[in-house]
């Protein structure tokens, strides 16, 4: 199966309808046991799009870093997050949508149209918008958003790993790897862990479960 590359067709179609400022939006970090969920909104300059944009998962870390720097220079980029507390208060889907809405609001120019990765429009987003399943592999603007969100979150988790060593966040970014789970068992739960996620919840309440 040949994997198709993202293109600018959705953005061009919107521009033909008079929606000239088109933002792509994506989030990263739904699956980890620790750290925030992060979102990015990106408005590309149609005349200055970096080469090689793709779904961030299809790119090497080195390539993502290089594209991150280019996008920060050449595009209107806004980054935002929803905290661990917000994830636990709402749920991960709602928190990811909160981060998306914040990222869109942070753009220097209010977009006329928003291309959203996924199949749901975030609550409270009162803009012309379009959802695209697997949008990071279809739309260049969403690809750009996926790249900057991932690099930004990965860097944040490296910083947190310096403060809380032993969980492997510098390499696993908070995802539930064997190293992370081993750290949880040996070192316990940190303030950056998502208490509503089952592996963390089970450790927090295992003494209570045993006594019952």
Protein backbone atom coordinates (compact mmCIF):
# COMPACT_ATOMS: atom_id res chain seq x y z
CA UNK A 1 0.00 0.00 0.00
CA UNK A 2 1.44 3.36 -1.04
CA UNK A 3 1.14 5.99 1.67
CA UNK A 4 -0.09 9.30 0.30
CA UNK A 5 1.50 12.55 1.40
CA UNK A 6 -0.44 15.50 2.77
CA UNK A 7 -1.21 18.33 0.38
CA UNK A 8 -2.68 21.83 0.31
CA UNK A 9 -5.97 20.95 -1.42
CA UNK A 10 -8.23 21.53 1.62
CA UNK A 11 -6.65 24.91 2.22
CA UNK A 12 -6.99 25.87 -1.46
CA UNK A 13 -10.66 24.83 -1.50
CA UNK A 14 -11.36 27.01 1.54
CA UNK A 15 -9.53 29.96 0.00
CA UNK A 16 -11.63 29.61 -3.14
CA UNK A 17 -14.69 30.06 -0.91
CA UNK A 18 -13.24 33.33 0.37
CA UNK A 19 -11.86 31.82 3.59
CA UNK A 20 -8.34 33.13 3.17
CA UNK A 21 -6.81 32.52 6.62
CA UNK A 22 -6.88 28.75 7.11
CA UNK A 23 -5.46 27.14 10.24
CA UNK A 24 -4.60 23.50 10.77
CA UNK A 25 -5.04 22.14 14.31
CA UNK A 26 -3.78 18.96 15.95
CA UNK A 27 -3.03 17.67 19.44
CA UNK A 28 -0.48 15.29 20.88
CA UNK A 29 -0.36 13.45 24.17
CA UNK A 30 -3.69 11.71 24.64
CA UNK A 31 -2.11 8.36 25.49
CA UNK A 32 0.61 9.15 28.06
CA UNK A 33 0.23 8.48 31.77
CA UNK A 34 1.99 11.75 32.61
CA UNK A 35 2.28 15.31 31.36
CA UNK A 36 -0.13 17.71 29.68
CA UNK A 37 -1.95 17.24 26.41
CA UNK A 38 -0.62 19.79 23.92
CA UNK A 39 -2.16 21.32 20.81
CA UNK A 40 -0.91 23.48 18.00
CA UNK A 41 -2.63 25.73 15.48
CA UNK A 42 -0.70 26.67 12.36
CA UNK A 43 -1.48 29.05 9.49
CA UNK A 44 0.94 28.34 6.66
CA UNK A 45 2.14 30.97 4.21
CA UNK A 46 1.04 29.48 0.85
CA UNK A 47 4.16 30.93 -0.78
CA UNK A 48 6.57 29.68 1.86
CA UNK A 49 5.68 26.13 2.94
CA UNK A 50 8.61 24.06 4.27
CA UNK A 51 9.40 20.93 2.26
CA UNK A 52 8.81 17.55 3.83
CA UNK A 53 5.79 18.22 6.03
CA UNK A 54 4.05 15.00 7.02
CA UNK A 55 2.31 13.27 9.88
CA UNK A 56 4.78 13.75 12.75
CA UNK A 57 4.76 10.00 13.44
CA UNK A 58 6.23 9.39 9.96
CA UNK A 59 9.23 11.66 10.55
CA UNK A 60 12.47 11.16 12.45
CA UNK A 61 13.04 13.21 15.58
CA UNK A 62 15.84 15.10 13.81
CA UNK A 63 13.56 15.97 10.88
CA UNK A 64 10.76 17.08 13.22
CA UNK A 65 13.17 19.38 15.06
CA UNK A 66 14.34 20.95 11.80
CA UNK A 67 10.78 21.48 10.59
CA UNK A 68 9.76 22.90 13.97
CA UNK A 69 12.38 25.63 13.61
CA UNK A 70 11.31 26.41 10.04
CA UNK A 71 7.64 26.55 10.96
CA UNK A 72 8.27 28.86 13.89
CA UNK A 73 10.02 31.21 11.46
CA UNK A 74 7.76 30.93 8.42
CA UNK A 75 4.23 30.34 9.75
CA UNK A 76 1.79 31.75 12.29
CA UNK A 77 2.09 29.18 15.08
CA UNK A 78 0.26 28.98 18.40
CA UNK A 79 0.88 26.32 21.04
CA UNK A 80 -1.27 25.54 24.07
CA UNK A 81 -1.91 22.80 26.58
CA UNK A 82 -4.44 21.40 28.98
CA UNK A 83 -2.96 20.46 32.33
CA UNK A 84 -2.93 17.12 34.10
CA UNK A 85 -5.50 18.61 36.53
CA UNK A 86 -7.78 19.50 33.61
CA UNK A 87 -7.36 16.02 32.12
CA UNK A 88 -8.39 14.46 35.43
CA UNK A 89 -11.26 16.92 35.93
CA UNK A 90 -12.83 16.56 32.49
CA UNK A 91 -11.43 13.56 30.56
CA UNK A 92 -8.67 13.30 27.98
CA UNK A 93 -10.91 13.98 24.96
CA UNK A 94 -12.42 17.12 26.47
CA UNK A 95 -8.99 18.28 27.67
CA UNK A 96 -7.50 17.82 24.20
CA UNK A 97 -10.32 19.96 22.79
CA UNK A 98 -9.67 22.63 25.43
CA UNK A 99 -6.03 22.72 24.33
CA UNK A 100 -7.09 23.00 20.67
CA UNK A 101 -9.41 25.94 21.36
CA UNK A 102 -6.65 27.69 23.31
CA UNK A 103 -4.17 27.15 20.48
CA UNK A 104 -6.56 28.61 17.89
CA UNK A 105 -7.25 31.61 20.13
CA UNK A 106 -3.52 32.26 20.40
CA UNK A 107 -2.92 32.79 16.68
CA UNK A 108 -1.86 36.31 15.76
CA UNK A 109 -4.68 36.53 13.19
CA UNK A 110 -8.12 35.02 13.79
CA UNK A 111 -8.60 32.28 11.16
CA UNK A 112 -11.48 32.30 8.69
CA UNK A 113 -11.51 28.49 8.60
CA UNK A 114 -10.04 25.73 10.75
CA UNK A 115 -9.01 22.24 9.64
CA UNK A 116 -9.21 19.93 12.65
CA UNK A 117 -7.56 16.54 12.95
CA UNK A 118 -10.17 13.96 13.94
CA UNK A 119 -13.94 13.70 13.62
CA UNK A 120 -15.16 16.09 16.34
CA UNK A 121 -15.40 19.86 16.51
CA UNK A 122 -14.23 21.11 19.92
CA UNK A 123 -16.97 22.62 22.04
CA UNK A 124 -16.94 26.41 22.07
CA UNK A 125 -15.18 26.78 18.72
CA UNK A 126 -17.41 29.31 16.98
CA UNK A 127 -15.57 29.40 13.68
CA UNK A 128 -15.98 27.91 10.23
CA UNK A 129 -14.34 24.52 10.58
CA UNK A 130 -13.87 21.14 8.96
CA UNK A 131 -12.86 17.85 10.57
CA UNK A 132 -10.47 15.51 8.79
CA UNK A 133 -9.93 11.96 10.01
CA UNK A 134 -6.19 11.24 9.80
CA UNK A 135 -5.84 14.88 8.85
CA UNK A 136 -2.15 14.96 9.73
CA UNK A 137 -1.54 12.70 6.74
CA UNK A 138 -3.89 14.66 4.44
CA UNK A 139 -3.53 18.38 5.12
CA UNK A 140 -0.21 20.22 5.17
CA UNK A 141 -1.51 22.66 7.77
CA UNK A 142 -2.55 19.85 10.12
CA UNK A 143 0.78 18.08 9.46
CA UNK A 144 2.57 21.26 10.49
CA UNK A 145 0.47 21.44 13.66
CA UNK A 146 1.21 17.80 14.51
CA UNK A 147 4.95 18.42 14.17
CA UNK A 148 5.17 21.54 16.32
CA UNK A 149 2.87 20.09 19.00
CA UNK A 150 4.92 16.90 19.25
CA UNK A 151 8.31 18.64 19.38
CA UNK A 152 7.04 21.13 21.95
CA UNK A 153 5.56 18.42 24.18
CA UNK A 154 8.60 16.14 23.84
CA UNK A 155 10.85 19.01 24.94
CA UNK A 156 8.58 19.68 27.90
CA UNK A 157 8.75 16.04 28.98
CA UNK A 158 12.57 16.10 28.74
CA UNK A 159 12.52 19.07 31.13
CA UNK A 160 10.21 17.23 33.52
CA UNK A 161 12.48 14.17 33.36
CA UNK A 162 15.30 16.23 34.87
CA UNK A 163 13.08 17.00 37.86
CA UNK A 164 11.66 13.48 38.17
CA UNK A 165 14.28 10.96 37.00
CA UNK A 166 13.59 7.26 36.86
CA UNK A 167 10.47 7.22 34.69
CA UNK A 168 12.22 7.59 31.32
CA UNK A 169 10.20 10.61 30.26
CA UNK A 170 13.16 11.92 28.26
CA UNK A 171 12.64 9.03 25.83
CA UNK A 172 9.06 7.79 26.37
CA UNK A 173 7.44 11.27 26.74
CA UNK A 174 5.19 9.89 29.47
CA UNK A 175 3.74 7.02 27.45
CA UNK A 176 3.19 3.72 29.30
CA UNK A 177 6.41 1.94 28.36
CA UNK A 178 7.92 -0.84 30.46
CA UNK A 179 10.46 1.64 31.87
CA UNK A 180 7.74 4.11 32.84
CA UNK A 181 5.63 1.42 34.52
CA UNK A 182 8.69 0.13 36.37
CA UNK A 183 9.40 3.65 37.59
CA UNK A 184 5.82 4.04 38.76
CA UNK A 185 6.03 0.83 40.74
CA UNK A 186 9.39 1.70 42.32
CA UNK A 187 9.10 5.46 42.79
CA UNK A 188 5.37 6.07 42.99
CA UNK A 189 3.14 8.73 41.49
CA UNK A 190 4.36 12.27 40.77
CA UNK A 191 2.29 15.48 40.54
CA UNK A 192 2.60 15.16 36.76
CA UNK A 193 0.85 11.80 36.55
CA UNK A 194 -2.76 11.57 35.36
CA UNK A 195 -4.62 10.16 38.32
CA UNK A 196 -7.70 9.32 36.27
CA UNK A 197 -5.69 6.94 34.05
CA UNK A 198 -6.07 3.35 35.20
CA UNK A 199 -2.40 2.33 35.74
CA UNK A 200 -1.85 5.44 37.91
CA UNK A 201 -5.22 5.15 39.65
CA UNK A 202 -4.51 1.52 40.51
CA UNK A 203 -1.19 2.39 42.17
CA UNK A 204 -2.75 5.22 44.16
CA UNK A 205 -5.55 3.04 45.45
CA UNK A 206 -3.89 -0.38 45.63
CA UNK A 207 -3.52 -0.26 49.44
CA UNK A 208 -7.18 0.57 49.81
CA UNK A 209 -8.10 -2.24 47.40
CA UNK A 210 -6.01 -4.74 49.35
CA UNK A 211 -7.53 -3.72 52.69
CA UNK A 212 -11.00 -4.15 51.25
